[in-house]
């Protein structure tokens, strides 16, 4: 379903799968996001497609800053759809959600088991922080697929919250899928957390955009964007070019990322350290943006090297580093 009016309703008692695309809203003059309300009591699968999904992979080329904030040059307002569920019916039947649209109204999905994100996503903060604060919103979620690397600090905080300290009747996350390979420094703690075991991992600072900035924006350190933002390295040299700039200031188009305070009424309560870290996220992202603008005036990195492109998906479970074969049931 592509051609939607600004306000649209999808209603069906038998419909089990819905796909919504924003392909007909590529208009930078749009003044309001289209709104879609879903009234489908037996809906099992919902796919929210984004026009950027139809673009060639890493279309931004060498000049684009694809990671770690996944900002892009499209107008977030004109490329988003607000999707909500009928308040009396809700989304109780939904099992699988494939989404790229931003912002989307993340709500209570009591039976949702699988979320798959597009490689372009502006709402990482909102998704992770909601799951950190309120794990009961998706009590059966156990499978998350990413098509670009997520913010590592928030991912680890979410896993520690859900897999180590969540209340009873909350399913732990069991499977994570990433678009490319991961180094041992990430793979080991992730596999331990997926198995419900406490582990030693890099600090929140090292995993955040500020920690990455020290390496990413060092012109003497080689590496493509994908490698450096996943704590790996390759031989792609930094290119010095005074004409290198982000089209439409890619580091500015962050949509709703990081705006607004973090509510501290999480259930169960969060530790003071986690609350402070989440509350200061906007400060870190602004610092990244300011540094990126200066960097982009002179330098750029290739988005992905051939070595990383050939690695294929990385499926992580608690058995990823064991000799026991990993079996994924879909």
Protein backbone atom coordinates (compact mmCIF):
# COMPACT_ATOMS: atom_id res chain seq x y z
CA UNK A 1 0.00 0.00 0.00
CA UNK A 2 1.84 3.05 -1.27
CA UNK A 3 -0.50 5.84 -2.29
CA UNK A 4 -1.80 7.04 1.05
CA UNK A 5 -3.61 10.28 1.82
CA UNK A 6 -2.32 12.43 4.74
CA UNK A 7 -4.74 10.55 7.05
CA UNK A 8 -5.52 6.95 6.24
CA UNK A 9 -7.07 3.96 7.95
CA UNK A 10 -6.40 0.30 7.20
CA UNK A 11 -9.20 -1.89 8.52
CA UNK A 12 -9.63 -5.64 8.05
CA UNK A 13 -10.62 -8.57 10.24
CA UNK A 14 -8.77 -11.13 8.14
CA UNK A 15 -5.63 -9.29 7.00
CA UNK A 16 -2.44 -10.92 8.32
CA UNK A 17 0.29 -8.92 6.57
CA UNK A 18 0.57 -5.21 5.74
CA UNK A 19 3.27 -3.32 3.88
CA UNK A 20 3.31 0.49 3.96
CA UNK A 21 5.75 2.61 1.96
CA UNK A 22 6.41 6.34 1.92
CA UNK A 23 7.54 6.30 -1.71
CA UNK A 24 4.84 8.79 -2.74
CA UNK A 25 5.84 11.40 -0.15
CA UNK A 26 9.14 12.59 -1.58
CA UNK A 27 8.32 16.24 -1.28
CA UNK A 28 10.45 18.60 0.76
CA UNK A 29 7.58 21.11 0.95
CA UNK A 30 5.29 18.77 2.85
CA UNK A 31 3.99 20.43 6.03
CA UNK A 32 2.76 17.39 7.93
CA UNK A 33 3.63 13.72 8.13
CA UNK A 34 1.06 11.32 6.71
CA UNK A 35 -0.82 9.41 9.41
CA UNK A 36 -1.90 5.79 9.12
CA UNK A 37 -4.04 4.00 11.67
CA UNK A 38 -4.18 0.21 11.54
CA UNK A 39 -7.31 -1.66 12.63
CA UNK A 40 -6.46 -5.31 11.93
CA UNK A 41 -7.11 -7.65 14.87
CA UNK A 42 -5.36 -10.62 13.19
CA UNK A 43 -2.32 -8.81 11.83
CA UNK A 44 0.84 -10.92 12.15
CA UNK A 45 3.45 -9.08 10.08
CA UNK A 46 3.92 -5.36 9.47
CA UNK A 47 6.51 -3.96 7.07
CA UNK A 48 7.16 -0.22 7.02
CA UNK A 49 9.32 0.47 4.01
CA UNK A 50 11.34 3.61 3.42
CA UNK A 51 12.29 5.08 0.06
CA UNK A 52 15.95 4.81 1.09
CA UNK A 53 15.58 1.02 1.09
CA UNK A 54 15.20 1.16 -2.69
CA UNK A 55 18.44 3.06 -3.19
CA UNK A 56 21.70 1.27 -4.06
CA UNK A 57 23.50 0.12 -0.94
CA UNK A 58 25.65 2.93 0.49
CA UNK A 59 24.52 5.23 -2.28
CA UNK A 60 26.13 8.18 -0.51
CA UNK A 61 29.48 7.05 -1.84
CA UNK A 62 32.77 8.17 -0.41
CA UNK A 63 31.44 11.57 0.64
CA UNK A 64 28.66 10.36 2.90
CA UNK A 65 28.93 9.92 6.64
CA UNK A 66 26.86 6.77 7.05
CA UNK A 67 27.79 5.88 10.62
CA UNK A 68 27.50 5.85 13.54
CA UNK A 69 24.42 8.06 13.71
CA UNK A 70 22.99 6.85 10.40
CA UNK A 71 21.99 10.39 9.44
CA UNK A 72 21.26 11.00 5.78
CA UNK A 73 20.47 13.84 3.43
CA UNK A 74 16.74 13.27 3.03
CA UNK A 75 14.26 15.57 4.71
CA UNK A 76 13.08 13.51 7.72
CA UNK A 77 9.66 15.18 7.68
CA UNK A 78 8.94 14.33 4.05
CA UNK A 79 10.18 10.77 4.37
CA UNK A 80 8.21 9.67 7.42
CA UNK A 81 4.83 8.26 8.21
CA UNK A 82 3.25 8.20 11.65
CA UNK A 83 1.82 4.73 12.12
CA UNK A 84 -0.47 3.90 15.02
CA UNK A 85 -2.86 1.13 15.99
CA UNK A 86 -6.54 1.44 16.79
CA UNK A 87 -6.68 2.06 20.57
CA UNK A 88 -9.34 -0.61 21.18
CA UNK A 89 -7.66 -3.28 19.05
CA UNK A 90 -4.00 -2.38 19.45
CA UNK A 91 -1.24 -4.57 18.05
CA UNK A 92 -1.78 -7.65 20.18
CA UNK A 93 -1.54 -10.11 17.29
CA UNK A 94 1.64 -8.71 15.72
CA UNK A 95 4.56 -11.15 15.67
CA UNK A 96 7.01 -9.53 13.22
CA UNK A 97 7.84 -5.89 12.50
CA UNK A 98 10.11 -4.69 9.69
CA UNK A 99 10.57 -0.95 9.95
CA UNK A 100 12.51 1.95 8.53
CA UNK A 101 10.06 4.80 8.94
CA UNK A 102 10.92 7.54 11.38
CA UNK A 103 9.47 8.65 13.66
CA UNK A 104 7.19 5.70 14.34
CA UNK A 105 4.95 5.35 17.35
CA UNK A 106 6.55 2.54 19.25
CA UNK A 107 3.94 1.02 21.51
CA UNK A 108 3.03 -2.04 23.49
CA UNK A 109 3.48 -5.17 21.35
CA UNK A 110 2.71 -8.04 23.74
CA UNK A 111 3.36 -10.85 21.25
CA UNK A 112 6.01 -9.27 19.02
CA UNK A 113 8.97 -11.63 18.65
CA UNK A 114 11.02 -10.16 15.82
CA UNK A 115 12.04 -6.65 14.76
CA UNK A 116 14.06 -6.00 11.61
CA UNK A 117 15.43 -2.51 10.99
CA UNK A 118 16.33 -0.94 7.69
CA UNK A 119 19.88 0.26 7.13
CA UNK A 120 18.62 3.85 7.48
CA UNK A 121 17.10 4.54 10.87
CA UNK A 122 16.76 7.86 12.66
CA UNK A 123 15.06 6.63 15.81
CA UNK A 124 17.69 4.42 17.39
CA UNK A 125 17.62 6.40 20.63
CA UNK A 126 13.88 6.19 21.08
CA UNK A 127 13.74 2.46 20.36
CA UNK A 128 16.58 1.46 22.69
CA UNK A 129 15.68 3.85 25.50
CA UNK A 130 12.08 2.68 25.54
CA UNK A 131 13.20 -0.93 25.79
CA UNK A 132 15.71 0.00 28.50
CA UNK A 133 13.08 1.86 30.50
CA UNK A 134 10.09 -0.38 29.89
CA UNK A 135 11.07 -3.94 28.88
CA UNK A 136 7.44 -5.01 29.37
CA UNK A 137 6.47 -3.08 26.21
CA UNK A 138 7.68 -6.05 24.14
CA UNK A 139 7.79 -8.90 26.64
CA UNK A 140 8.25 -11.64 24.00
CA UNK A 141 10.81 -9.91 21.78
CA UNK A 142 13.81 -12.19 21.28
CA UNK A 143 15.12 -11.49 17.76
CA UNK A 144 16.48 -8.17 16.39
CA UNK A 145 17.99 -7.69 12.96
CA UNK A 146 20.03 -4.62 12.03
CA UNK A 147 20.98 -3.65 8.47
CA UNK A 148 23.49 -1.14 9.68
CA UNK A 149 25.43 -1.08 12.95
CA UNK A 150 23.39 0.31 15.87
CA UNK A 151 24.65 2.63 18.64
CA UNK A 152 26.72 0.15 20.61
CA UNK A 153 26.38 1.76 24.02
CA UNK A 154 22.58 1.68 23.89
CA UNK A 155 22.55 -1.87 22.55
CA UNK A 156 24.67 -3.15 25.44
CA UNK A 157 22.63 -1.25 28.01
CA UNK A 158 19.43 -2.71 26.57
CA UNK A 159 20.82 -6.26 26.65
CA UNK A 160 22.07 -5.89 30.23
CA UNK A 161 18.71 -4.53 31.28
CA UNK A 162 16.66 -7.19 29.52
CA UNK A 163 18.84 -10.30 29.77
CA UNK A 164 20.32 -9.78 33.23
CA UNK A 165 17.92 -7.76 35.34
CA UNK A 166 14.51 -7.72 33.65
CA UNK A 167 11.50 -8.85 35.70
CA UNK A 168 9.99 -12.29 35.25
CA UNK A 169 7.86 -13.04 32.18
CA UNK A 170 10.15 -10.89 30.02
CA UNK A 171 11.80 -12.88 27.24
CA UNK A 172 15.56 -12.31 26.89
CA UNK A 173 16.97 -11.29 23.53
CA UNK A 174 18.32 -14.50 22.00
CA UNK A 175 19.42 -13.53 18.48
CA UNK A 176 21.04 -10.45 16.95
CA UNK A 177 21.77 -10.14 13.24
CA UNK A 178 24.23 -7.58 11.89
CA UNK A 179 24.98 -6.73 8.25
CA UNK A 180 28.70 -7.49 8.48
CA UNK A 181 31.19 -9.30 10.66
CA UNK A 182 32.02 -8.28 14.23
CA UNK A 183 35.36 -8.32 16.04
CA UNK A 184 35.94 -10.41 19.15
CA UNK A 185 35.79 -7.32 21.39
CA UNK A 186 32.08 -7.04 20.50
CA UNK A 187 31.24 -10.63 19.63
CA UNK A 188 32.32 -12.10 22.97
CA UNK A 189 30.36 -9.81 25.33
CA UNK A 190 27.32 -9.89 23.05
CA UNK A 191 27.25 -13.69 23.02
CA UNK A 192 27.65 -13.75 26.80
CA UNK A 193 24.78 -11.33 27.35
CA UNK A 194 22.56 -13.26 24.94
CA UNK A 195 23.17 -16.27 27.17
CA UNK A 196 22.17 -14.31 30.27
CA UNK A 197 25.71 -14.13 31.65
CA UNK A 198 27.46 -11.07 33.05
CA UNK A 199 30.55 -10.11 31.10
CA UNK A 200 33.36 -7.61 30.72
CA UNK A 201 32.79 -5.23 27.83
CA UNK A 202 34.08 -1.89 26.52
CA UNK A 203 32.88 1.12 28.50
CA UNK A 204 29.85 3.15 27.47
CA UNK A 205 32.22 5.98 26.56
CA UNK A 206 34.30 3.80 24.25
CA UNK A 207 31.14 2.42 22.62
CA UNK A 208 29.56 5.86 22.11
CA UNK A 209 29.97 8.32 19.26
CA UNK A 210 32.40 10.34 21.36
CA UNK A 211 34.64 7.37 21.92
CA UNK A 212 34.51 6.56 18.20
CA UNK A 213 35.25 10.16 17.29
CA UNK A 214 38.79 9.96 18.62
CA UNK A 215 39.63 7.24 16.10
CA UNK A 216 37.19 8.00 13.30
CA UNK A 217 38.27 11.62 12.89
CA UNK A 218 41.99 10.95 13.16
CA UNK A 219 43.31 11.41 9.60
CA UNK A 220 46.36 9.28 10.39
CA UNK A 221 44.27 6.17 11.11
CA UNK A 222 43.22 4.24 8.02
CA UNK A 223 39.86 2.51 7.71
CA UNK A 224 36.50 2.77 6.02
CA UNK A 225 33.43 3.98 7.90
CA UNK A 226 31.97 0.53 8.44
CA UNK A 227 35.21 -0.91 9.81
CA UNK A 228 36.02 1.89 12.23
CA UNK A 229 32.48 2.14 13.54
CA UNK A 230 32.52 -1.57 14.35
CA UNK A 231 35.94 -1.47 16.06
CA UNK A 232 37.73 -3.00 13.09
CA UNK A 233 40.34 -1.69 10.70
CA UNK A 234 41.18 -1.91 7.04
CA UNK A 235 43.67 -0.31 4.67
CA UNK A 236 41.33 2.30 3.18
CA UNK A 237 43.22 5.57 3.57
CA UNK A 238 41.59 8.84 4.58
CA UNK A 239 41.21 11.07 1.52
CA UNK A 240 42.09 14.71 1.87
CA UNK A 241 39.93 16.89 -0.35
CA UNK A 242 38.87 20.45 0.35
CA UNK A 243 35.76 19.85 -1.73
CA UNK A 244 34.62 16.95 0.45
CA UNK A 245 31.38 17.92 2.15
CA UNK A 246 28.23 16.19 3.31
CA UNK A 247 25.40 17.01 0.93
CA UNK A 248 22.75 19.04 2.78
CA UNK A 249 24.89 18.72 5.90
CA UNK A 250 24.23 15.06 6.58
CA UNK A 251 25.30 15.42 10.18
CA UNK A 252 22.50 17.89 10.83
CA UNK A 253 19.60 15.76 9.62
CA UNK A 254 19.14 13.79 12.79
CA UNK A 255 15.37 14.05 13.05
CA UNK A 256 14.25 13.45 16.64
CA UNK A 257 17.47 11.82 17.78
CA UNK A 258 18.42 12.73 21.31
CA UNK A 259 15.83 15.47 21.81
CA UNK A 260 14.09 15.80 25.13
CA UNK A 261 14.91 14.52 28.62
CA UNK A 262 14.88 10.87 29.60
CA UNK A 263 12.05 10.00 31.94
CA UNK A 264 13.34 8.48 35.14
CA UNK A 265 10.23 6.47 36.05
CA UNK A 266 11.56 3.29 34.48
CA UNK A 267 10.07 0.03 35.70
CA UNK A 268 12.00 -1.50 37.36
CA UNK A 269 14.12 1.59 38.23
CA UNK A 270 17.41 2.20 36.47
CA UNK A 271 20.69 2.79 38.24
CA UNK A 272 21.85 6.38 38.66
CA UNK A 273 24.77 5.79 36.31
CA UNK A 274 22.53 4.56 33.48
CA UNK A 275 20.08 7.44 34.00
CA UNK A 276 22.87 10.00 33.77
CA UNK A 277 24.35 8.35 30.69
CA UNK A 278 21.02 8.34 28.86
CA UNK A 279 20.19 11.90 29.91
CA UNK A 280 23.47 13.23 28.50
CA UNK A 281 23.17 11.54 25.11
CA UNK A 282 22.18 14.75 23.34
CA UNK A 283 25.36 16.47 24.53
CA UNK A 284 27.45 13.68 23.04
CA UNK A 285 25.64 13.79 19.72
CA UNK A 286 25.99 17.57 19.40
CA UNK A 287 29.70 17.21 20.06
CA UNK A 288 29.88 14.58 17.32
CA UNK A 289 28.01 16.83 14.87
CA UNK A 290 30.25 19.81 15.51
CA UNK A 291 33.39 17.74 15.03
CA UNK A 292 31.96 16.10 11.91
CA UNK A 293 31.28 19.45 10.25
CA UNK A 294 34.91 20.46 10.69
CA UNK A 295 36.16 17.06 9.56
CA UNK A 296 33.99 17.06 6.44
CA UNK A 297 35.45 20.31 5.19
CA UNK A 298 38.75 18.57 4.52
CA UNK A 299 38.49 14.79 4.82
CA UNK A 300 36.30 11.85 4.01
CA UNK A 301 36.42 8.09 4.31
CA UNK A 302 35.13 5.45 1.96
CA UNK A 303 31.88 4.05 3.32
CA UNK A 304 32.79 0.35 3.07
CA UNK A 305 35.84 -1.58 1.93
CA UNK A 306 35.69 -4.68 -0.25
CA UNK A 307 36.87 -6.89 2.58
CA UNK A 308 33.95 -5.93 4.84
CA UNK A 309 31.46 -6.03 1.99
CA UNK A 310 32.30 -9.69 1.31
CA UNK A 311 31.86 -10.85 4.91
CA UNK A 312 28.08 -11.13 4.76
CA UNK A 313 25.70 -11.13 7.71
CA UNK A 314 26.78 -11.91 11.23
CA UNK A 315 24.29 -13.91 13.32
CA UNK A 316 25.04 -13.71 17.03
CA UNK A 317 23.57 -16.04 19.65
CA UNK A 318 24.85 -17.31 22.98
CA UNK A 319 26.53 -20.15 21.05
CA UNK A 320 28.40 -17.98 18.53
CA UNK A 321 31.80 -18.75 20.06
CA UNK A 322 31.06 -22.38 20.90
CA UNK A 323 31.54 -25.44 18.78
CA UNK A 324 27.80 -26.07 18.95
CA UNK A 325 26.26 -25.13 15.58
CA UNK A 326 23.84 -22.24 15.65
CA UNK A 327 20.40 -23.02 14.25
CA UNK A 328 18.08 -20.14 13.44
CA UNK A 329 14.39 -20.99 13.09
CA UNK A 330 12.32 -18.52 11.10
